[in-house]
C-alpha atoms as a PDB file:
ATOM      1  CA  MET A   1       0.009  -0.009  -0.012  1.00  0.00           C
ATOM      2  CA  ALA A   2       1.349   3.445  -0.912  1.00  0.00           C
ATOM      3  CA  SER A   3       2.215   5.696   1.985  1.00  0.00           C
ATOM      4  CA  ARG A   4      -0.094   8.519   2.778  1.00  0.00           C
ATOM      5  CA  ALA A   5       1.376  11.923   3.778  1.00  0.00           C
ATOM      6  CA  ASN A   6       0.470  13.130   7.236  1.00  0.00           C
ATOM      7  CA  LYS A   7      -1.770  16.210   7.338  1.00  0.00           C
ATOM      8  CA  ILE A   8      -0.209  18.830   9.558  1.00  0.00           C
ATOM      9  CA  ASP A   9      -2.606  20.771  11.815  1.00  0.00           C
ATOM     10  CA  ILE A  10      -2.891  24.076  10.046  1.00  0.00           C
ATOM     11  CA  GLU A  11      -3.793  26.125  13.151  1.00  0.00           C
ATOM     12  CA  TRP A  12      -0.744  24.900  15.029  1.00  0.00           C
ATOM     13  CA  ALA A  13       1.471  25.290  12.006  1.00  0.00           C
ATOM     14  CA  ASN A  14       0.404  28.957  11.570  1.00  0.00           C
ATOM     15  CA  SER A  15       1.079  29.528  15.308  1.00  0.00           C
ATOM     16  CA  LEU A  16       4.789  28.994  14.645  1.00  0.00           C
ATOM     17  CA  VAL A  17       4.911  32.030  12.244  1.00  0.00           C
ATOM     18  CA  GLY A  18       7.394  34.443  13.649  1.00  0.00           C
ATOM     19  CA  LEU A  19       9.627  31.782  15.321  1.00  0.00           C
ATOM     20  CA  PRO A  20      13.257  33.065  15.277  1.00  0.00           C
ATOM     21  CA  LEU A  21      15.836  30.856  13.467  1.00  0.00           C
ATOM     22  CA  LYS A  22      19.602  30.725  13.039  1.00  0.00           C
ATOM     23  CA  ILE A  23      20.367  29.021   9.724  1.00  0.00           C
ATOM     24  CA  PRO A  24      24.032  27.939   8.934  1.00  0.00           C
ATOM     25  CA  ASP A  25      25.545  28.418   5.467  1.00  0.00           C
ATOM     26  CA  ASN A  26      25.726  24.688   4.971  1.00  0.00           C
ATOM     27  CA  TRP A  27      21.956  24.362   4.993  1.00  0.00           C
ATOM     28  CA  TRP A  28      21.907  25.741   1.463  1.00  0.00           C
ATOM     29  CA  VAL A  29      22.942  23.334  -1.350  1.00  0.00           C
ATOM     30  CA  GLY A  30      26.450  24.132  -2.515  1.00  0.00           C
ATOM     31  CA  TYR A  31      27.522  25.966   0.611  1.00  0.00           C
ATOM     32  CA  THR A  32      29.874  24.590   3.284  1.00  0.00           C
ATOM     33  CA  GLY A  33      30.354  27.478   5.735  1.00  0.00           C
ATOM     34  CA  SER A  34      29.135  27.524   9.339  1.00  0.00           C
ATOM     35  CA  TYR A  35      28.172  31.159   9.605  1.00  0.00           C
ATOM     36  CA  LEU A  36      24.718  31.518  11.212  1.00  0.00           C
ATOM     37  CA  HIS A  37      22.144  33.722   9.554  1.00  0.00           C
ATOM     38  CA  ASP A  38      19.342  35.207  11.668  1.00  0.00           C
ATOM     39  CA  GLY A  39      15.823  34.702  10.270  1.00  0.00           C
ATOM     40  CA  LYS A  40      12.221  33.855  11.127  1.00  0.00           C
ATOM     41  CA  LEU A  41       9.309  31.849   9.889  1.00  0.00           C
ATOM     42  CA  VAL A  42       6.894  33.960   7.897  1.00  0.00           C
ATOM     43  CA  ALA A  43       4.226  31.502   6.616  1.00  0.00           C
ATOM     44  CA  PHE A  44       3.208  27.856   6.329  1.00  0.00           C
ATOM     45  CA  ASP A  45       2.993  26.283   2.893  1.00  0.00           C
ATOM     46  CA  VAL A  46      -0.035  23.949   3.000  1.00  0.00           C
ATOM     47  CA  VAL A  47       0.814  22.255  -0.350  1.00  0.00           C
ATOM     48  CA  ASN A  48       4.425  21.379   0.516  1.00  0.00           C
ATOM     49  CA  ARG A  49       3.736  20.864   4.237  1.00  0.00           C
ATOM     50  CA  LYS A  50       6.791  23.104   5.057  1.00  0.00           C
ATOM     51  CA  TRP A  51       7.317  26.494   6.542  1.00  0.00           C
ATOM     52  CA  CYS A  52       8.592  29.604   4.649  1.00  0.00           C
ATOM     53  CA  PHE A  53      11.364  31.653   6.291  1.00  0.00           C
ATOM     54  CA  GLU A  54      13.265  34.831   5.413  1.00  0.00           C
ATOM     55  CA  LEU A  55      16.580  36.187   6.543  1.00  0.00           C
ATOM     56  CA  ASP A  56      16.769  39.391   8.571  1.00  0.00           C
ATOM     57  CA  ASP A  57      19.743  40.743   6.635  1.00  0.00           C
ATOM     58  CA  GLN A  58      18.556  39.884   3.075  1.00  0.00           C
ATOM     59  CA  ASP A  59      18.023  42.713   0.551  1.00  0.00           C
ATOM     60  CA  ASP A  60      15.450  40.864  -1.534  1.00  0.00           C
ATOM     61  CA  ASP A  61      12.089  39.200  -0.765  1.00  0.00           C
ATOM     62  CA  ASP A  62      13.284  35.644  -1.228  1.00  0.00           C
ATOM     63  CA  HIS A  63      11.555  33.044   0.957  1.00  0.00           C
ATOM     64  CA  TYR A  64      12.918  29.518   1.581  1.00  0.00           C
ATOM     65  CA  LEU A  65      10.995  26.329   2.487  1.00  0.00           C
ATOM     66  CA  ILE A  66      12.150  24.465   5.514  1.00  0.00           C
ATOM     67  CA  ALA A  67      10.949  21.096   6.916  1.00  0.00           C
ATOM     68  CA  TYR A  68       9.912  20.663  10.572  1.00  0.00           C
ATOM     69  CA  ASP A  69      12.946  18.764  11.702  1.00  0.00           C
ATOM     70  CA  ALA A  70      15.154  21.620  10.400  1.00  0.00           C
ATOM     71  CA  VAL A  71      12.851  24.107  12.236  1.00  0.00           C
ATOM     72  CA  CYS A  72      13.538  22.292  15.452  1.00  0.00           C
ATOM     73  CA  GLU A  73      17.219  22.018  14.837  1.00  0.00           C
ATOM     74  CA  TYR A  74      17.787  25.608  13.834  1.00  0.00           C
ATOM     75  CA  SER A  75      15.324  27.470  16.066  1.00  0.00           C
ATOM     76  CA  ASN A  76      16.959  30.201  18.061  1.00  0.00           C
ATOM     77  CA  LYS A  77      16.446  28.963  21.540  1.00  0.00           C
ATOM     78  CA  GLN A  78      18.292  31.885  23.096  1.00  0.00           C
ATOM     79  CA  HIS A  79      16.034  34.461  21.598  1.00  0.00           C
ATOM     80  CA  SER A  80      13.839  36.341  23.952  1.00  0.00           C
ATOM     81  CA  THR A  81      10.585  35.303  22.228  1.00  0.00           C
ATOM     82  CA  PHE A  82      11.389  31.657  21.802  1.00  0.00           C
ATOM     83  CA  ASN A  83       9.113  30.544  24.689  1.00  0.00           C
ATOM     84  CA  ARG A  84       6.068  31.992  23.012  1.00  0.00           C
ATOM     85  CA  TYR A  85       5.930  29.219  20.463  1.00  0.00           C
ATOM     86  CA  GLN A  86       4.739  25.650  20.898  1.00  0.00           C
ATOM     87  CA  LEU A  87       7.570  23.601  19.524  1.00  0.00           C
ATOM     88  CA  PRO A  88       7.138  19.916  20.354  1.00  0.00           C
ATOM     89  CA  SER A  89       9.635  17.397  19.125  1.00  0.00           C
ATOM     90  CA  GLU A  90       6.933  15.714  16.958  1.00  0.00           C
ATOM     91  CA  LEU A  91       4.568  17.217  14.400  1.00  0.00           C
ATOM     92  CA  VAL A  92       1.048  18.102  15.472  1.00  0.00           C
ATOM     93  CA  LEU A  93      -1.179  16.173  13.050  1.00  0.00           C
ATOM     94  CA  GLU A  94      -4.642  17.026  11.929  1.00  0.00           C
ATOM     95  CA  GLY A  95      -7.625  15.001  13.157  1.00  0.00           C
ATOM     96  CA  ASP A  96      -9.021  13.565  16.363  1.00  0.00           C
ATOM     97  CA  ASP A  97      -6.660  11.758  18.742  1.00  0.00           C
ATOM     98  CA  GLU A  98      -9.333   9.616  20.328  1.00  0.00           C
ATOM     99  CA  ILE A  99     -12.741   8.208  19.335  1.00  0.00           C
ATOM    100  CA  GLU A 100     -15.234   7.056  21.988  1.00  0.00           C
ATOM    101  CA  THR A 101     -17.997   4.643  20.890  1.00  0.00           C
ATOM    102  CA  GLU A 102     -21.496   4.407  22.357  1.00  0.00           C
ATOM    103  CA  ASP A 103     -20.545   1.541  24.696  1.00  0.00           C
ATOM    104  CA  GLY A 104     -17.759   3.704  26.160  1.00  0.00           C
ATOM    105  CA  THR A 105     -14.876   1.953  24.389  1.00  0.00           C
ATOM    106  CA  LEU A 106     -12.035   4.470  23.770  1.00  0.00           C
ATOM    107  CA  TYR A 107      -9.928   4.090  20.605  1.00  0.00           C
ATOM    108  CA  SER A 108      -6.752   5.969  19.869  1.00  0.00           C
ATOM    109  CA  LEU A 109      -5.819   7.046  16.353  1.00  0.00           C
ATOM    110  CA  THR A 110      -2.757   5.204  15.066  1.00  0.00           C
ATOM    111  CA  PRO A 111      -0.448   7.131  12.773  1.00  0.00           C
ATOM    112  CA  THR A 112      -0.478   5.668   9.255  1.00  0.00           C
ATOM    113  CA  ALA A 113       3.269   5.131   9.407  1.00  0.00           C
ATOM    114  CA  GLU A 114       2.682   2.543  12.123  1.00  0.00           C
ATOM    115  CA  TRP A 115      -0.099   0.619  10.337  1.00  0.00           C
ATOM    116  CA  SER A 116       0.573  -3.063   9.878  1.00  0.00           C
ATOM    117  CA  ARG A 117      -1.026  -5.568   7.475  1.00  0.00           C
ATOM    118  CA  VAL A 118      -3.180  -8.357   8.866  1.00  0.00           C
ATOM    119  CA  ASP A 119      -2.773 -11.571   6.913  1.00  0.00           C
ATOM    120  CA  ASP A 120      -5.611 -14.033   6.418  1.00  0.00           C
ATOM    121  CA  ASN A 121      -3.959 -16.673   8.587  1.00  0.00           C
ATOM    122  CA  GLN A 122      -3.680 -14.349  11.615  1.00  0.00           C
ATOM    123  CA  ASP A 123      -6.363 -13.812  14.235  1.00  0.00           C
ATOM    124  CA  GLY A 124      -7.753 -10.453  15.114  1.00  0.00           C
ATOM    125  CA  GLY A 125      -8.971  -9.235  11.748  1.00  0.00           C
ATOM    126  CA  ARG A 126     -12.555  -8.183  11.503  1.00  0.00           C
ATOM    127  CA  THR A 127     -14.635 -10.158   9.028  1.00  0.00           C
ATOM    128  CA  ILE A 128     -16.812  -8.070   6.748  1.00  0.00           C
ATOM    129  CA  ASP A 129     -19.960  -9.851   5.642  1.00  0.00           C
ATOM    130  CA  PRO A 130     -20.943  -9.531   1.956  1.00  0.00           C
ATOM    131  CA  ILE A 131     -23.999  -7.426   1.226  1.00  0.00           C
ATOM    132  CA  GLU A 132     -26.982  -9.591   0.484  1.00  0.00           C
ATOM    133  CA  TRP A 133     -28.020  -9.740  -3.187  1.00  0.00           C
ATOM    134  CA  MET A 134     -31.520  -8.226  -3.562  1.00  0.00           C
ATOM    135  CA  GLY A 135     -31.964  -9.086  -7.236  1.00  0.00           C
ATOM    136  CA  GLY A 136     -31.973  -6.793 -10.206  1.00  0.00           C
ATOM    137  CA  ASP A 137     -29.367  -6.167 -12.918  1.00  0.00           C
ATOM    138  CA  GLU A 138     -25.902  -7.459 -11.878  1.00  0.00           C
ATOM    139  CA  GLU A 139     -24.142  -5.531 -14.507  1.00  0.00           C
ATOM    140  CA  PHE A 140     -25.831  -2.180 -13.734  1.00  0.00           C
ATOM    141  CA  SER A 141     -26.702  -1.735 -17.363  1.00  0.00           C
ATOM    142  CA  ILE A 142     -28.185   1.568 -18.662  1.00  0.00           C
ATOM    143  CA  ASN A 143     -31.967   1.767 -18.679  1.00  0.00           C
ATOM    144  CA  ILE A 144     -32.354   2.125 -22.399  1.00  0.00           C
ATOM    145  CA  THR A 145     -34.533   0.231 -24.866  1.00  0.00           C
ATOM    146  CA  ASP A 146     -33.376  -1.434 -28.106  1.00  0.00           C
ATOM    147  CA  ALA A 147     -35.294   1.173 -30.150  1.00  0.00           C
ATOM    148  CA  GLU A 148     -33.411   3.991 -28.314  1.00  0.00           C
ATOM    149  CA  ILE A 149     -30.137   2.278 -28.912  1.00  0.00           C
ATOM    150  CA  ASN A 150     -30.910   2.115 -32.640  1.00  0.00           C
ATOM    151  CA  SER A 151     -31.759   5.822 -32.584  1.00  0.00           C
ATOM    152  CA  LEU A 152     -28.212   6.544 -31.458  1.00  0.00           C
ATOM    153  CA  LYS A 153     -26.693   4.974 -34.581  1.00  0.00           C
ATOM    154  CA  ASP A 154     -25.784   6.560 -37.875  1.00  0.00           C
ATOM    155  CA  GLU A 155     -26.494   5.154 -41.341  1.00  0.00           C
ATOM    156  CA  ASN A 156     -23.455   2.819 -40.907  1.00  0.00           C
ATOM    157  CA  GLY A 157     -24.699   1.386 -37.626  1.00  0.00           C
ATOM    158  CA  GLU A 158     -22.185   3.150 -35.531  1.00  0.00           C
ATOM    159  CA  ILE A 159     -23.208   4.851 -32.295  1.00  0.00           C
ATOM    160  CA  ARG A 160     -22.473   8.562 -32.511  1.00  0.00           C
ATOM    161  CA  TYR A 161     -21.333  10.493 -29.447  1.00  0.00           C
ATOM    162  CA  GLU A 162     -23.551  13.544 -30.175  1.00  0.00           C
ATOM    163  CA  LYS A 163     -26.593  11.337 -30.258  1.00  0.00           C
ATOM    164  CA  VAL A 164     -25.591   9.719 -26.889  1.00  0.00           C
ATOM    165  CA  PHE A 165     -25.073  13.178 -25.407  1.00  0.00           C
ATOM    166  CA  GLU A 166     -28.512  14.316 -26.504  1.00  0.00           C
ATOM    167  CA  TRP A 167     -30.137  11.044 -25.225  1.00  0.00           C
ATOM    168  CA  ALA A 168     -28.513  11.604 -21.767  1.00  0.00           C
ATOM    169  CA  LEU A 169     -29.789  15.136 -21.373  1.00  0.00           C
ATOM    170  CA  PRO A 170     -32.603  15.721 -18.907  1.00  0.00           C
ATOM    171  CA  ARG A 171     -36.226  15.835 -20.025  1.00  0.00           C
ATOM    172  CA  PHE A 172     -39.141  17.752 -18.535  1.00  0.00           C
ATOM    173  CA  GLY A 173     -42.726  16.714 -18.197  1.00  0.00           C
ATOM    174  CA  SER A 174     -44.117  13.285 -19.298  1.00  0.00           C
ATOM    175  CA  GLY A 175     -46.116  11.741 -22.055  1.00  0.00           C
ATOM    176  CA  ASP A 176     -47.340  14.150 -24.762  1.00  0.00           C
ATOM    177  CA  ASP A 177     -46.122  17.109 -22.680  1.00  0.00           C
ATOM    178  CA  GLU A 178     -42.511  15.846 -22.414  1.00  0.00           C
ATOM    179  CA  LEU A 179     -39.814  18.335 -23.499  1.00  0.00           C
ATOM    180  CA  THR A 180     -36.164  17.796 -24.206  1.00  0.00           C
ATOM    181  CA  LEU A 181     -33.625  20.067 -22.578  1.00  0.00           C
ATOM    182  CA  PHE A 182     -33.229  22.129 -25.731  1.00  0.00           C
ATOM    183  CA  GLU A 183     -37.013  22.390 -26.135  1.00  0.00           C
ATOM    184  CA  PHE A 184     -37.438  23.459 -22.544  1.00  0.00           C
ATOM    185  CA  GLN A 185     -34.626  26.031 -22.719  1.00  0.00           C
ATOM    186  CA  ALA A 186     -35.952  27.458 -25.964  1.00  0.00           C
ATOM    187  CA  ALA A 187     -39.412  27.939 -24.409  1.00  0.00           C
ATOM    188  CA  ARG A 188     -37.853  29.651 -21.362  1.00  0.00           C
ATOM    189  CA  MET A 189     -35.685  31.926 -23.562  1.00  0.00           C
ATOM    190  CA  ARG A 190     -38.801  32.845 -25.545  1.00  0.00           C
ATOM    191  CA  ASN A 191     -40.557  33.781 -22.331  1.00  0.00           C
ATOM    192  CA  TYR A 192     -37.547  35.831 -21.236  1.00  0.00           C
ATOM    193  CA  MET A 193     -37.258  37.573 -24.598  1.00  0.00           C
ATOM    194  CA  ARG A 194     -40.957  38.489 -24.580  1.00  0.00           C
ATOM    195  CA  LYS A 195     -40.588  39.877 -21.038  1.00  0.00           C
ATOM    196  CA  ARG A 196     -37.702  42.103 -22.096  1.00  0.00           C
ATOM    197  CA  MET A 197     -39.622  43.348 -25.140  1.00  0.00           C
ATOM    198  CA  VAL A 198     -42.747  44.174 -23.086  1.00  0.00           C
ATOM    199  CA  GLU A 199     -41.354  45.458 -19.857  1.00  0.00           C
ATOM    200  CA  ASP A 200     -37.971  46.964 -21.062  1.00  0.00           C
ATOM    201  CA  GLY A 201     -38.940  48.053 -24.560  1.00  0.00           C
ATOM    202  CA  TRP A 202     -36.080  45.964 -26.026  1.00  0.00           C
ATOM    203  CA  THR A 203     -36.322  45.108 -29.757  1.00  0.00           C
ATOM    204  CA  PRO A 204     -34.600  41.921 -31.068  1.00  0.00           C
ATOM    205  CA  LYS A 205     -32.867  42.122 -34.399  1.00  0.00           C
ATOM    206  CA  TYR A 206     -33.558  38.658 -35.765  1.00  0.00           C
ATOM    207  CA  TYR A 207     -36.571  37.286 -33.824  1.00  0.00           C
ATOM    208  CA  THR A 208     -39.136  39.600 -35.325  1.00  0.00           C
ATOM    209  CA  GLY A 209     -42.561  38.854 -36.863  1.00  0.00           C
ATOM    210  CA  ASN A 210     -43.288  35.097 -36.702  1.00  0.00           C
ATOM    211  CA  ARG A 211     -39.701  34.097 -35.867  1.00  0.00           C
ATOM    212  CA  VAL A 212     -39.296  32.526 -32.419  1.00  0.00           C
ATOM    213  CA  ILE A 213     -36.524  30.684 -30.652  1.00  0.00           C
ATOM    214  CA  THR A 214     -36.729  26.891 -31.294  1.00  0.00           C
ATOM    215  CA  ALA A 215     -34.875  23.942 -29.887  1.00  0.00           C
ATOM    216  CA  ASP A 216     -32.650  23.803 -32.979  1.00  0.00           C
ATOM    217  CA  HIS A 217     -31.543  27.389 -32.413  1.00  0.00           C
ATOM    218  CA  VAL A 218     -30.605  26.567 -28.718  1.00  0.00           C
ATOM    219  CA  THR A 219     -28.614  23.571 -29.949  1.00  0.00           C
ATOM    220  CA  ARG A 220     -26.650  25.723 -32.389  1.00  0.00           C
ATOM    221  CA  PHE A 221     -26.115  28.408 -29.751  1.00  0.00           C
ATOM    222  CA  TYR A 222     -24.430  25.765 -27.521  1.00  0.00           C
ATOM    223  CA  GLY A 223     -22.005  25.003 -30.356  1.00  0.00           C
ATOM    224  CA  ALA A 224     -21.423  28.678 -31.134  1.00  0.00           C
ATOM    225  CA  CYS A 225     -20.571  29.506 -27.427  1.00  0.00           C
ATOM    226  CA  LEU A 226     -18.048  26.659 -27.410  1.00  0.00           C
ATOM    227  CA  ALA A 227     -16.553  27.691 -30.696  1.00  0.00           C
ATOM    228  CA  LYS A 228     -16.321  31.257 -29.464  1.00  0.00           C
ATOM    229  CA  MET A 229     -14.388  30.143 -26.371  1.00  0.00           C
ATOM    230  CA  PHE A 230     -12.088  27.977 -28.346  1.00  0.00           C
ATOM    231  CA  MET A 231     -11.228  30.806 -30.742  1.00  0.00           C
ATOM    232  CA  GLY A 232     -10.116  33.125 -28.005  1.00  0.00           C
ATOM    233  CA  ASN A 233     -13.508  34.735 -27.126  1.00  0.00           C
ATOM    234  CA  ARG A 234     -13.656  36.899 -30.219  1.00  0.00           C
ATOM    235  CA  SER A 235     -16.384  39.496 -30.340  1.00  0.00           C
ATOM    236  CA  ILE A 236     -19.457  38.857 -32.456  1.00  0.00           C
ATOM    237  CA  ASN A 237     -18.317  41.550 -34.868  1.00  0.00           C
ATOM    238  CA  GLN A 238     -14.996  39.710 -35.325  1.00  0.00           C
ATOM    239  CA  ILE A 239     -16.761  36.344 -35.716  1.00  0.00           C
ATOM    240  CA  PHE A 240     -18.956  37.625 -38.582  1.00  0.00           C
ATOM    241  CA  CYS A 241     -16.240  39.818 -40.151  1.00  0.00           C
ATOM    242  CA  THR A 242     -16.015  39.473 -43.941  1.00  0.00           C
ATOM    243  CA  ARG A 243     -12.873  41.462 -44.426  1.00  0.00           C
ATOM    244  CA  GLU A 244     -10.460  40.028 -41.793  1.00  0.00           C
ATOM    245  CA  ILE A 245     -10.442  36.312 -42.519  1.00  0.00           C
ATOM    246  CA  PHE A 246      -8.274  35.545 -39.427  1.00  0.00           C
ATOM    247  CA  ASN A 247     -10.970  36.977 -37.186  1.00  0.00           C
ATOM    248  CA  ALA A 248     -13.913  35.206 -38.727  1.00  0.00           C
ATOM    249  CA  VAL A 249     -15.219  31.893 -37.446  1.00  0.00           C
ATOM    250  CA  PRO A 250     -16.763  30.139 -40.424  1.00  0.00           C
ATOM    251  CA  SER A 251     -18.398  27.335 -38.360  1.00  0.00           C
ATOM    252  CA  ILE A 252     -20.425  29.879 -36.409  1.00  0.00           C
ATOM    253  CA  GLN A 253     -21.270  31.866 -39.555  1.00  0.00           C
ATOM    254  CA  ALA A 254     -22.615  28.692 -41.137  1.00  0.00           C
ATOM    255  CA  SER A 255     -24.836  27.840 -38.139  1.00  0.00           C
ATOM    256  CA  MET A 256     -26.581  31.179 -37.596  1.00  0.00           C
ATOM    257  CA  THR A 257     -26.745  34.918 -38.573  1.00  0.00           C
ATOM    258  CA  LYS A 258     -25.037  37.656 -36.695  1.00  0.00           C
ATOM    259  CA  ASN A 259     -28.369  39.125 -35.555  1.00  0.00           C
ATOM    260  CA  ALA A 260     -29.603  35.706 -34.283  1.00  0.00           C
ATOM    261  CA  MET A 261     -26.447  35.202 -32.164  1.00  0.00           C
ATOM    262  CA  GLU A 262     -26.751  38.739 -30.689  1.00  0.00           C
ATOM    263  CA  ASP A 263     -30.373  38.079 -29.730  1.00  0.00           C
ATOM    264  CA  LEU A 264     -29.653  34.666 -28.207  1.00  0.00           C
ATOM    265  CA  THR A 265     -26.689  36.010 -26.332  1.00  0.00           C
ATOM    266  CA  SER A 266     -28.965  38.671 -24.805  1.00  0.00           C
ATOM    267  CA  CYS A 267     -31.029  35.788 -23.406  1.00  0.00           C
ATOM    268  CA  LEU A 268     -28.041  34.053 -21.843  1.00  0.00           C
ATOM    269  CA  HIS A 269     -29.331  34.703 -18.297  1.00  0.00           C
ATOM    270  CA  TYR A 270     -32.888  33.608 -19.070  1.00  0.00           C
ATOM    271  CA  SER A 271     -33.004  31.390 -15.945  1.00  0.00           C
ATOM    272  CA  ASP A 272     -32.322  34.194 -13.452  1.00  0.00           C
ATOM    273  CA  ASP A 273     -35.056  34.819 -10.888  1.00  0.00           C
ATOM    274  CA  TRP A 274     -37.246  37.154 -12.809  1.00  0.00           C
ATOM    275  CA  GLU A 275     -40.889  37.490 -12.025  1.00  0.00           C
ATOM    276  CA  LEU A 276     -43.206  36.213 -14.719  1.00  0.00           C
ATOM    277  CA  MET A 277     -45.905  38.638 -15.743  1.00  0.00           C
ATOM    278  CA  GLY A 278     -49.594  37.955 -14.759  1.00  0.00           C
ATOM    279  CA  ASP A 279     -51.717  35.676 -16.788  1.00  0.00           C
ATOM    280  CA  GLY A 280     -53.864  38.418 -18.264  1.00  0.00           C
ATOM    281  CA  ILE A 281     -50.873  40.509 -19.439  1.00  0.00           C
ATOM    282  CA  TRP A 282     -49.067  37.507 -20.736  1.00  0.00           C
ATOM    283  CA  SER A 283     -51.985  36.098 -22.753  1.00  0.00           C
ATOM    284  CA  ASP A 284     -52.659  39.523 -24.197  1.00  0.00           C
ATOM    285  CA  THR A 285     -49.128  40.200 -25.437  1.00  0.00           C
ATOM    286  CA  TYR A 286     -47.734  36.736 -26.342  1.00  0.00           C
ATOM    287  CA  ASP A 287     -49.457  33.587 -27.367  1.00  0.00           C
ATOM    288  CA  ASP A 288     -46.462  31.408 -26.379  1.00  0.00           C
ATOM    289  CA  PRO A 289     -47.327  29.609 -23.075  1.00  0.00           C
ATOM    290  CA  LYS A 290     -45.335  30.298 -19.986  1.00  0.00           C
ATOM    291  CA  VAL A 291     -42.882  27.410 -19.127  1.00  0.00           C
ATOM    292  CA  ILE A 292     -42.100  26.786 -15.445  1.00  0.00           C
ATOM    293  CA  ALA A 293     -40.123  23.769 -14.232  1.00  0.00           C
ATOM    294  CA  ASP A 294     -40.869  21.789 -11.103  1.00  0.00           C
ATOM    295  CA  PRO A 295     -39.641  23.692  -8.017  1.00  0.00           C
ATOM    296  CA  PHE A 296     -37.483  20.736  -6.980  1.00  0.00           C
ATOM    297  CA  THR A 297     -35.629  20.598 -10.355  1.00  0.00           C
ATOM    298  CA  ALA A 298     -31.822  20.920  -9.931  1.00  0.00           C
ATOM    299  CA  VAL A 299     -30.522  24.336 -10.782  1.00  0.00           C
ATOM    300  CA  HIS A 300     -27.998  23.062 -13.341  1.00  0.00           C
ATOM    301  CA  ARG A 301     -30.916  21.591 -15.286  1.00  0.00           C
ATOM    302  CA  LEU A 302     -32.731  24.838 -15.702  1.00  0.00           C
ATOM    303  CA  LYS A 303     -29.930  26.722 -17.499  1.00  0.00           C
ATOM    304  CA  HIS A 304     -26.859  26.373 -19.633  1.00  0.00           C
ATOM    305  CA  GLY A 305     -24.971  25.433 -16.444  1.00  0.00           C
ATOM    306  CA  ARG A 306     -21.252  24.950 -16.962  1.00  0.00           C
ATOM    307  CA  LEU A 307     -21.491  26.289 -20.510  1.00  0.00           C
ATOM    308  CA  GLU A 308     -22.818  29.581 -19.184  1.00  0.00           C
ATOM    309  CA  ASP A 309     -20.350  29.711 -16.300  1.00  0.00           C
ATOM    310  CA  GLY A 310     -17.425  29.084 -18.582  1.00  0.00           C
ATOM    311  CA  TYR A 311     -18.757  31.605 -21.111  1.00  0.00           C
ATOM    312  CA  ASN A 312     -19.188  34.287 -18.405  1.00  0.00           C
ATOM    313  CA  LYS A 313     -15.723  33.640 -16.909  1.00  0.00           C
ATOM    314  CA  VAL A 314     -14.030  34.216 -20.251  1.00  0.00           C
ATOM    315  CA  CYS A 315     -16.186  37.232 -20.985  1.00  0.00           C
ATOM    316  CA  THR A 316     -15.443  38.722 -17.601  1.00  0.00           C
ATOM    317  CA  VAL A 317     -11.681  38.560 -18.423  1.00  0.00           C
ATOM    318  CA  CYS A 318     -12.154  39.806 -21.941  1.00  0.00           C
ATOM    319  CA  CYS A 319     -13.866  43.173 -21.652  1.00  0.00           C
ATOM    320  CA  CYS A 320     -17.082  41.966 -19.965  1.00  0.00           C
ATOM    321  CA  CYS A 321     -18.875  41.118 -23.214  1.00  0.00           C
ATOM    322  CA  CYS A 322     -21.886  39.624 -21.337  1.00  0.00           C
ATOM    323  CA  CYS A 323     -22.441  42.841 -19.491  1.00  0.00           C
ATOM    324  CA  TYR A 324     -22.472  44.642 -22.871  1.00  0.00           C
ATOM    325  CA  TYR A 325     -25.214  42.363 -24.315  1.00  0.00           C
ATOM    326  CA  ASP A 326     -27.257  42.510 -21.118  1.00  0.00           C
ATOM    327  CA  SER A 327     -27.376  46.326 -21.378  1.00  0.00           C
ATOM    328  CA  ASN A 328     -28.364  46.411 -25.044  1.00  0.00           C
END
């Protein structure tokens, strides 16, 4: 079994910050002198499980990592502040030292370095009974029908990843009212777009007249957002540029128009907590029904989820593009 590194108690490790040290020349690799340099601990490095120290007479801000055994060896015991620090001979490890069971039995935590293996032919090992088999599918196969498997294949009989991805997406409702993820999101984005048009006086550029957001548009928008990130988060003007070929992204141009992408981007936050308008106002201004998910639906199923988070993260770094489209 591979050894596991001990986790040093962080609170205790930080309590040693400020401890005075005297470090000899020969502590550094390549030096053999015995001159002692005054210094002190300035921080604890959680990742390397070592302390950082700096020298009192150094001109730069260089910090050096030092292990606990060296801290004990080179601590300045004659310094006036030495007694302020708890410096035991052994590391203070993280975790409970003792565990008391309901019957009062007290167990002590054994350091992993002292663990020993119990062979099958020795007494004392605790037997773990197997879990009783309750029936069902031993192979934990996916709940999918033969017809659904065939729907994932192309004309050559090969299962395509994009079809598996779409099949694995959540669905909303049941029976004739069942909606795929893209259908649900398209309906919510239509609701959000109509709300902005009525309450904010916003005018879309592409979705005018009888044009509405459909599931196919949302699917393309997913791909456009990913392509936009892969291409360095270029602006929409750059993506659809016809003069600078190195700025343009042909795959996005082939999937939708510039106006359509601007309109869909303005609906990126369609799942935020906005109040739906009353039934009377809604039915008078828009014939598309309001779409509301079950209140217990997981948040990541109601929105673009990680796609939106990644898109927003890149946009925040690159001139806050999302804020621009939210304000237009």
